[in-house]
Amino acid sequence: MEFDSNKAIYLQIIDALCDRVLSGELKAEDRIPSVREYGAEIGVNPNTVARSYEKLSDSGIIYNKRGIGYFIAEGAKDAILQNAKKQFLDEELPKFVDRAKLLGLSLEEITAEMQKH
C-alpha cells in the first residue's frame, strides 16, 4: 500500500478497507486480517492499524469476535455509501462547483464530460 503524506495513515487504512467493501471485494461477514497481520502486510505499526480498526468498529463497519478476529458488519456497505455521499456533497462538491464557475464551465459541458467517463 502506498501512502499519501498529506493524510494520516490510519485514515488511509480506513479508506482502503471501505473501498474494498464498496467494490465488493469484502462482503458482510468476511474476516479481515488481524491488526498484526495487516500491519505486517502493509508495513505499518500495529498500533496504527488498531486505531483504524477502532474507528471502523465505532462506525459499525467492522466488529470483533473475541478470540476469532475482525469481520465486516452486516450493512457496512450501505453505511459506507451513506457516509461517503455525505462527505462528497459537503466537502468535495463545493470545491468542484467553485472551480467550475471560475473556469466558466457550464452544467452542460460538465454533464457531457461525465457521460464520457
C-alpha atoms as a PDB file:
ATOM      1  CA  MET A   1       0.000   0.000   0.000  1.00  0.00           C
ATOM      2  CA  GLU A   2       1.355   3.419  -0.934  1.00  0.00           C
ATOM      3  CA  PHE A   3       0.640   6.216   1.482  1.00  0.00           C
ATOM      4  CA  ASP A   4      -0.086   9.888   0.858  1.00  0.00           C
ATOM      5  CA  SER A   5       1.996  12.091   3.138  1.00  0.00           C
ATOM      6  CA  ASN A   6      -0.829  14.658   3.262  1.00  0.00           C
ATOM      7  CA  LYS A   7      -3.251  12.381   5.120  1.00  0.00           C
ATOM      8  CA  ALA A   8      -2.919  10.395   8.344  1.00  0.00           C
ATOM      9  CA  ILE A   9      -2.048   6.748   7.708  1.00  0.00           C
ATOM     10  CA  TYR A  10      -4.850   5.425   9.921  1.00  0.00           C
ATOM     11  CA  LEU A  11      -7.367   7.359   7.797  1.00  0.00           C
ATOM     12  CA  GLN A  12      -5.851   5.938   4.615  1.00  0.00           C
ATOM     13  CA  ILE A  13      -6.221   2.432   6.044  1.00  0.00           C
ATOM     14  CA  ILE A  14      -9.878   3.166   6.798  1.00  0.00           C
ATOM     15  CA  ASP A  15     -10.387   4.461   3.246  1.00  0.00           C
ATOM     16  CA  ALA A  16      -8.688   1.410   1.734  1.00  0.00           C
ATOM     17  CA  LEU A  17     -10.848  -1.049   3.687  1.00  0.00           C
ATOM     18  CA  CYS A  18     -14.011   0.915   2.901  1.00  0.00           C
ATOM     19  CA  ASP A  19     -13.093   0.947  -0.792  1.00  0.00           C
ATOM     20  CA  ARG A  20     -12.696  -2.839  -0.692  1.00  0.00           C
ATOM     21  CA  VAL A  21     -16.189  -3.131   0.789  1.00  0.00           C
ATOM     22  CA  LEU A  22     -17.672  -0.761  -1.800  1.00  0.00           C
ATOM     23  CA  SER A  23     -16.004  -2.649  -4.662  1.00  0.00           C
ATOM     24  CA  GLY A  24     -17.440  -5.941  -3.408  1.00  0.00           C
ATOM     25  CA  GLU A  25     -14.015  -7.411  -2.654  1.00  0.00           C
ATOM     26  CA  LEU A  26     -15.078  -7.619   1.003  1.00  0.00           C
ATOM     27  CA  LYS A  27     -18.628  -8.586   1.911  1.00  0.00           C
ATOM     28  CA  ALA A  28     -20.647  -8.781   5.116  1.00  0.00           C
ATOM     29  CA  GLU A  29     -19.282 -11.424   7.481  1.00  0.00           C
ATOM     30  CA  ASP A  30     -15.920 -11.676   5.654  1.00  0.00           C
ATOM     31  CA  ARG A  31     -12.988 -11.916   8.045  1.00  0.00           C
ATOM     32  CA  ILE A  32     -10.329  -9.254   7.682  1.00  0.00           C
ATOM     33  CA  PRO A  33      -6.700  -9.652   8.756  1.00  0.00           C
ATOM     34  CA  SER A  34      -5.821  -9.210  12.408  1.00  0.00           C
ATOM     35  CA  VAL A  35      -4.194  -5.968  13.494  1.00  0.00           C
ATOM     36  CA  ARG A  36      -0.760  -7.607  13.482  1.00  0.00           C
ATOM     37  CA  GLU A  37      -1.310  -9.421  10.175  1.00  0.00           C
ATOM     38  CA  TYR A  38      -2.493  -6.300   8.409  1.00  0.00           C
ATOM     39  CA  GLY A  39       0.249  -4.164   9.909  1.00  0.00           C
ATOM     40  CA  ALA A  40       2.894  -6.595   8.659  1.00  0.00           C
ATOM     41  CA  GLU A  41       1.192  -6.876   5.259  1.00  0.00           C
ATOM     42  CA  ILE A  42       1.193  -3.122   4.594  1.00  0.00           C
ATOM     43  CA  GLY A  43       4.321  -2.224   6.570  1.00  0.00           C
ATOM     44  CA  VAL A  44       2.643  -0.185   9.303  1.00  0.00           C
ATOM     45  CA  ASN A  45       2.878  -0.248  13.081  1.00  0.00           C
ATOM     46  CA  PRO A  46       0.103  -2.458  14.530  1.00  0.00           C
ATOM     47  CA  ASN A  47      -0.963   0.444  16.777  1.00  0.00           C
ATOM     48  CA  THR A  48      -1.846   2.442  13.666  1.00  0.00           C
ATOM     49  CA  VAL A  49      -3.937  -0.444  12.322  1.00  0.00           C
ATOM     50  CA  ALA A  50      -5.574  -0.831  15.748  1.00  0.00           C
ATOM     51  CA  ARG A  51      -6.587   2.840  15.653  1.00  0.00           C
ATOM     52  CA  SER A  52      -8.143   2.314  12.194  1.00  0.00           C
ATOM     53  CA  TYR A  53      -9.991  -0.789  13.316  1.00  0.00           C
ATOM     54  CA  GLU A  54     -11.268   1.035  16.399  1.00  0.00           C
ATOM     55  CA  LYS A  55     -12.721   3.833  14.247  1.00  0.00           C
ATOM     56  CA  LEU A  56     -14.251   1.311  11.831  1.00  0.00           C
ATOM     57  CA  SER A  57     -15.703  -0.613  14.749  1.00  0.00           C
ATOM     58  CA  ASP A  58     -17.128   2.560  16.314  1.00  0.00           C
ATOM     59  CA  SER A  59     -18.763   3.327  12.942  1.00  0.00           C
ATOM     60  CA  GLY A  60     -20.333  -0.125  12.727  1.00  0.00           C
ATOM     61  CA  ILE A  61     -18.319  -1.085   9.641  1.00  0.00           C
ATOM     62  CA  ILE A  62     -16.473  -3.965  11.311  1.00  0.00           C
ATOM     63  CA  TYR A  63     -16.895  -5.908  14.523  1.00  0.00           C
ATOM     64  CA  ASN A  64     -14.687  -8.121  16.647  1.00  0.00           C
ATOM     65  CA  LYS A  65     -15.488 -11.710  17.562  1.00  0.00           C
ATOM     66  CA  ARG A  66     -13.342 -12.151  20.636  1.00  0.00           C
ATOM     67  CA  GLY A  67     -10.647 -14.730  20.025  1.00  0.00           C
ATOM     68  CA  ILE A  68     -11.566 -15.140  16.348  1.00  0.00           C
ATOM     69  CA  GLY A  69     -10.892 -11.787  14.685  1.00  0.00           C
ATOM     70  CA  TYR A  70     -12.482  -8.858  12.908  1.00  0.00           C
ATOM     71  CA  PHE A  71     -15.328  -9.174  10.428  1.00  0.00           C
ATOM     72  CA  ILE A  72     -17.218  -6.901   8.055  1.00  0.00           C
ATOM     73  CA  ALA A  73     -20.531  -5.956   9.647  1.00  0.00           C
ATOM     74  CA  GLU A  74     -23.933  -6.529   8.104  1.00  0.00           C
ATOM     75  CA  GLY A  75     -24.979  -3.263   6.427  1.00  0.00           C
ATOM     76  CA  ALA A  76     -21.396  -1.978   6.209  1.00  0.00           C
ATOM     77  CA  LYS A  77     -21.644  -1.201   2.500  1.00  0.00           C
ATOM     78  CA  ASP A  78     -24.776   0.922   2.965  1.00  0.00           C
ATOM     79  CA  ALA A  79     -23.219   2.787   5.904  1.00  0.00           C
ATOM     80  CA  ILE A  80     -20.045   3.478   3.925  1.00  0.00           C
ATOM     81  CA  LEU A  81     -22.039   4.699   0.915  1.00  0.00           C
ATOM     82  CA  GLN A  82     -24.160   6.982   3.057  1.00  0.00           C
ATOM     83  CA  ASN A  83     -21.096   8.497   4.770  1.00  0.00           C
ATOM     84  CA  ALA A  84     -19.134   8.820   1.519  1.00  0.00           C
ATOM     85  CA  LYS A  85     -22.008  10.537  -0.285  1.00  0.00           C
ATOM     86  CA  LYS A  86     -22.470  12.986   2.582  1.00  0.00           C
ATOM     87  CA  GLN A  87     -18.741  13.727   2.683  1.00  0.00           C
ATOM     88  CA  PHE A  88     -18.632  14.218  -1.094  1.00  0.00           C
ATOM     89  CA  LEU A  89     -21.621  16.568  -1.089  1.00  0.00           C
ATOM     90  CA  ASP A  90     -20.419  18.531   1.951  1.00  0.00           C
ATOM     91  CA  GLU A  91     -16.692  18.764   1.182  1.00  0.00           C
ATOM     92  CA  GLU A  92     -15.722  17.900  -2.380  1.00  0.00           C
ATOM     93  CA  LEU A  93     -18.661  19.130  -4.457  1.00  0.00           C
ATOM     94  CA  PRO A  94     -18.499  22.751  -3.225  1.00  0.00           C
ATOM     95  CA  LYS A  95     -14.808  22.922  -4.244  1.00  0.00           C
ATOM     96  CA  PHE A  96     -15.639  21.396  -7.621  1.00  0.00           C
ATOM     97  CA  VAL A  97     -18.508  23.834  -8.222  1.00  0.00           C
ATOM     98  CA  ASP A  98     -16.344  26.817  -7.257  1.00  0.00           C
ATOM     99  CA  ARG A  99     -13.586  25.668  -9.624  1.00  0.00           C
ATOM    100  CA  ALA A 100     -16.047  25.010 -12.462  1.00  0.00           C
ATOM    101  CA  LYS A 101     -17.509  28.505 -12.047  1.00  0.00           C
ATOM    102  CA  LEU A 102     -14.032  30.023 -12.033  1.00  0.00           C
ATOM    103  CA  LEU A 103     -13.250  28.213 -15.289  1.00  0.00           C
ATOM    104  CA  GLY A 104     -16.578  29.183 -16.838  1.00  0.00           C
ATOM    105  CA  LEU A 105     -17.701  25.588 -17.324  1.00  0.00           C
ATOM    106  CA  SER A 106     -21.399  25.146 -17.963  1.00  0.00           C
ATOM    107  CA  LEU A 107     -23.511  22.382 -16.465  1.00  0.00           C
ATOM    108  CA  GLU A 108     -23.951  21.000 -19.996  1.00  0.00           C
ATOM    109  CA  GLU A 109     -20.167  20.786 -20.522  1.00  0.00           C
ATOM    110  CA  ILE A 110     -19.702  19.052 -17.188  1.00  0.00           C
ATOM    111  CA  THR A 111     -22.561  16.627 -17.857  1.00  0.00           C
ATOM    112  CA  ALA A 112     -21.171  15.776 -21.305  1.00  0.00           C
ATOM    113  CA  GLU A 113     -17.752  15.035 -19.818  1.00  0.00           C
ATOM    114  CA  MET A 114     -19.255  12.959 -17.018  1.00  0.00           C
ATOM    115  CA  GLN A 115     -21.089  10.808 -19.571  1.00  0.00           C
ATOM    116  CA  LYS A 116     -17.785  10.134 -21.366  1.00  0.00           C
ATOM    117  CA  HIS A 117     -16.343   8.702 -18.192  1.00  0.00           C
END
